[in-house]
Amino acid sequence: MKKSEFEKQKERAEKYHCTGRCYWDTGMCPRVDICDETRTTEFVAALIGLISVPALIFIGIGLLYWIATTM
């Protein structure tokens, strides 16, 4: 038998001492990296950010250098 979202939220609230809601329209729980349900997703998102942000910075610097040297 499937549990309703309200029952899951109630269990998370008791287990992690929070409201039980992980994400909502205007934000997310400050303990989202501790919960078992969201910990791996948050870790993957952090890895993607760690890789993509420096890559975009280097691409931008490379483009600026290329523009400066070709003119």
N, C-alpha and C. Protein backbone atom coordinates (compact mmCIF):
# COMPACT_ATOMS: atom_id res chain seq x y z
N MET A 1 0.84 -1.18 0.00
CA MET A 1 0.00 0.00 0.00
C MET A 1 0.89 1.24 0.00
N LYS A 2 0.61 2.17 -0.91
CA LYS A 2 1.42 3.37 -1.01
C LYS A 2 1.05 4.37 0.08
N LYS A 3 2.07 5.06 0.56
CA LYS A 3 1.84 6.10 1.55
C LYS A 3 1.53 7.40 0.83
N SER A 4 0.68 8.19 1.42
CA SER A 4 0.37 9.49 0.83
C SER A 4 1.53 10.45 1.10
N GLU A 5 1.58 11.52 0.33
CA GLU A 5 2.65 12.51 0.51
C GLU A 5 2.59 13.12 1.91
N PHE A 6 1.38 13.28 2.44
CA PHE A 6 1.24 13.83 3.79
C PHE A 6 1.86 12.90 4.83
N GLU A 7 1.66 11.59 4.68
CA GLU A 7 2.24 10.63 5.62
C GLU A 7 3.76 10.62 5.53
N LYS A 8 4.29 10.69 4.28
CA LYS A 8 5.73 10.76 4.11
C LYS A 8 6.30 12.02 4.74
N GLN A 9 5.60 13.13 4.54
CA GLN A 9 6.04 14.41 5.11
C GLN A 9 6.05 14.33 6.64
N LYS A 10 5.05 13.70 7.21
CA LYS A 10 4.97 13.55 8.66
C LYS A 10 6.13 12.70 9.20
N GLU A 11 6.46 11.61 8.48
CA GLU A 11 7.57 10.76 8.89
C GLU A 11 8.90 11.51 8.81
N ARG A 12 9.11 12.26 7.72
CA ARG A 12 10.35 13.04 7.59
C ARG A 12 10.45 14.09 8.68
N ALA A 13 9.34 14.70 9.03
CA ALA A 13 9.34 15.73 10.07
C ALA A 13 9.78 15.14 11.41
N GLU A 14 9.31 13.95 11.72
CA GLU A 14 9.69 13.30 12.97
C GLU A 14 11.14 12.83 12.93
N LYS A 15 11.56 12.29 11.79
CA LYS A 15 12.89 11.70 11.68
C LYS A 15 13.99 12.76 11.67
N TYR A 16 13.78 13.86 10.94
CA TYR A 16 14.83 14.87 10.76
C TYR A 16 14.59 16.16 11.54
N HIS A 17 13.52 16.20 12.32
CA HIS A 17 13.19 17.37 13.15
C HIS A 17 13.07 18.64 12.30
N CYS A 18 12.23 18.55 11.28
CA CYS A 18 11.98 19.70 10.41
C CYS A 18 10.50 19.69 10.05
N THR A 19 10.13 20.46 9.03
CA THR A 19 8.73 20.49 8.62
C THR A 19 8.33 19.27 7.81
N GLY A 20 9.31 18.57 7.25
CA GLY A 20 9.03 17.39 6.44
C GLY A 20 8.93 17.68 4.96
N ARG A 21 8.89 18.94 4.61
CA ARG A 21 8.86 19.34 3.19
C ARG A 21 10.29 19.61 2.76
N CYS A 22 10.73 18.97 1.67
CA CYS A 22 12.10 19.16 1.20
C CYS A 22 12.21 20.37 0.29
N TYR A 23 11.32 20.45 -0.69
CA TYR A 23 11.34 21.56 -1.65
C TYR A 23 9.94 22.14 -1.76
N TRP A 24 9.84 23.42 -2.00
CA TRP A 24 8.56 24.06 -2.29
C TRP A 24 8.80 25.17 -3.31
N ASP A 25 7.78 25.88 -3.68
CA ASP A 25 7.87 26.86 -4.78
C ASP A 25 8.90 27.95 -4.54
N THR A 26 9.06 28.38 -3.31
CA THR A 26 9.93 29.52 -3.04
C THR A 26 11.25 29.16 -2.37
N GLY A 27 11.54 27.88 -2.19
CA GLY A 27 12.81 27.54 -1.55
C GLY A 27 12.92 26.06 -1.24
N MET A 28 13.81 25.77 -0.30
CA MET A 28 14.01 24.39 0.12
C MET A 28 14.40 24.36 1.60
N CYS A 29 14.28 23.20 2.19
CA CYS A 29 14.60 23.01 3.59
C CYS A 29 16.10 23.20 3.82
N PRO A 30 16.50 23.89 4.89
CA PRO A 30 17.93 24.05 5.15
C PRO A 30 18.64 22.73 5.47
N ARG A 31 17.89 21.71 5.79
CA ARG A 31 18.50 20.41 6.11
C ARG A 31 18.41 19.43 4.95
N VAL A 32 18.21 19.94 3.72
CA VAL A 32 17.99 19.08 2.56
C VAL A 32 19.21 18.19 2.27
N ASP A 33 20.40 18.60 2.65
CA ASP A 33 21.59 17.77 2.40
C ASP A 33 21.77 16.69 3.46
N ILE A 34 20.95 16.66 4.48
CA ILE A 34 21.04 15.64 5.53
C ILE A 34 20.05 14.51 5.30
N CYS A 35 18.89 14.82 4.72
CA CYS A 35 17.83 13.83 4.51
C CYS A 35 18.30 12.73 3.56
N ASP A 36 17.90 11.51 3.86
CA ASP A 36 18.25 10.37 3.00
C ASP A 36 17.62 10.49 1.62
N GLU A 37 16.41 11.08 1.54
CA GLU A 37 15.70 11.16 0.26
C GLU A 37 16.36 12.14 -0.70
N THR A 38 17.02 13.16 -0.20
CA THR A 38 17.53 14.22 -1.08
C THR A 38 19.05 14.36 -1.06
N ARG A 39 19.73 13.61 -0.22
CA ARG A 39 21.17 13.77 -0.08
C ARG A 39 21.93 13.49 -1.37
N THR A 40 21.60 12.42 -2.09
CA THR A 40 22.33 12.10 -3.32
C THR A 40 22.04 13.12 -4.42
N THR A 41 20.80 13.57 -4.50
CA THR A 41 20.45 14.58 -5.51
C THR A 41 21.21 15.87 -5.27
N GLU A 42 21.30 16.29 -4.04
CA GLU A 42 22.02 17.52 -3.71
C GLU A 42 23.52 17.36 -3.96
N PHE A 43 24.07 16.17 -3.71
CA PHE A 43 25.48 15.92 -3.97
C PHE A 43 25.78 16.00 -5.46
N VAL A 44 24.93 15.40 -6.28
CA VAL A 44 25.11 15.44 -7.73
C VAL A 44 25.00 16.88 -8.23
N ALA A 45 24.05 17.64 -7.71
CA ALA A 45 23.91 19.04 -8.11
C ALA A 45 25.15 19.85 -7.75
N ALA A 46 25.73 19.58 -6.59
CA ALA A 46 26.95 20.28 -6.18
C ALA A 46 28.12 19.91 -7.09
N LEU A 47 28.22 18.64 -7.47
CA LEU A 47 29.29 18.22 -8.39
C LEU A 47 29.14 18.88 -9.76
N ILE A 48 27.92 18.94 -10.26
CA ILE A 48 27.69 19.58 -11.55
C ILE A 48 28.09 21.05 -11.48
N GLY A 49 27.73 21.72 -10.41
CA GLY A 49 28.12 23.12 -10.24
C GLY A 49 29.62 23.28 -10.11
N LEU A 50 30.25 22.36 -9.40
CA LEU A 50 31.70 22.42 -9.21
C LEU A 50 32.46 22.25 -10.52
N ILE A 51 31.90 21.48 -11.42
CA ILE A 51 32.55 21.24 -12.71
C ILE A 51 32.19 22.31 -13.74
N SER A 52 30.91 22.66 -13.80
CA SER A 52 30.46 23.55 -14.88
C SER A 52 30.84 25.01 -14.67
N VAL A 53 30.83 25.51 -13.47
CA VAL A 53 31.15 26.93 -13.25
C VAL A 53 32.60 27.25 -13.63
N PRO A 54 33.60 26.51 -13.15
CA PRO A 54 34.96 26.81 -13.61
C PRO A 54 35.14 26.60 -15.12
N ALA A 55 34.46 25.60 -15.68
CA ALA A 55 34.57 25.37 -17.12
C ALA A 55 34.04 26.58 -17.90
N LEU A 56 32.92 27.12 -17.48
CA LEU A 56 32.37 28.29 -18.16
C LEU A 56 33.27 29.51 -17.99
N ILE A 57 33.90 29.64 -16.84
CA ILE A 57 34.84 30.76 -16.63
C ILE A 57 36.03 30.62 -17.57
N PHE A 58 36.59 29.42 -17.68
CA PHE A 58 37.73 29.22 -18.58
C PHE A 58 37.34 29.42 -20.05
N ILE A 59 36.14 28.99 -20.41
CA ILE A 59 35.68 29.22 -21.78
C ILE A 59 35.56 30.72 -22.05
N GLY A 60 35.02 31.46 -21.10
CA GLY A 60 34.89 32.90 -21.25
C GLY A 60 36.24 33.58 -21.37
N ILE A 61 37.19 33.18 -20.54
CA ILE A 61 38.54 33.75 -20.60
C ILE A 61 39.19 33.41 -21.94
N GLY A 62 39.02 32.17 -22.40
CA GLY A 62 39.57 31.75 -23.68
C GLY A 62 38.98 32.55 -24.83
N LEU A 63 37.68 32.78 -24.81
CA LEU A 63 37.05 33.58 -25.86
C LEU A 63 37.55 35.02 -25.84
N LEU A 64 37.68 35.59 -24.67
CA LEU A 64 38.19 36.96 -24.57
C LEU A 64 39.63 37.04 -25.09
N TYR A 65 40.44 36.05 -24.75
CA TYR A 65 41.82 36.02 -25.23
C TYR A 65 41.85 35.88 -26.75
N TRP A 66 41.01 35.00 -27.29
CA TRP A 66 40.95 34.78 -28.73
C TRP A 66 40.51 36.05 -29.46
N ILE A 67 39.52 36.74 -28.92
CA ILE A 67 39.06 37.99 -29.53
C ILE A 67 40.16 39.05 -29.48
N ALA A 68 40.85 39.12 -28.35
CA ALA A 68 41.90 40.13 -28.19
C ALA A 68 43.10 39.87 -29.11
N THR A 69 43.41 38.61 -29.36
CA THR A 69 44.57 38.30 -30.19
C THR A 69 44.28 38.34 -31.69
N THR A 70 43.02 38.23 -32.07
CA THR A 70 42.69 38.23 -33.50
C THR A 70 42.39 39.63 -34.03
N MET A 71 42.29 40.58 -33.18
CA MET A 71 42.00 41.95 -33.64
C MET A 71 43.24 42.78 -33.76
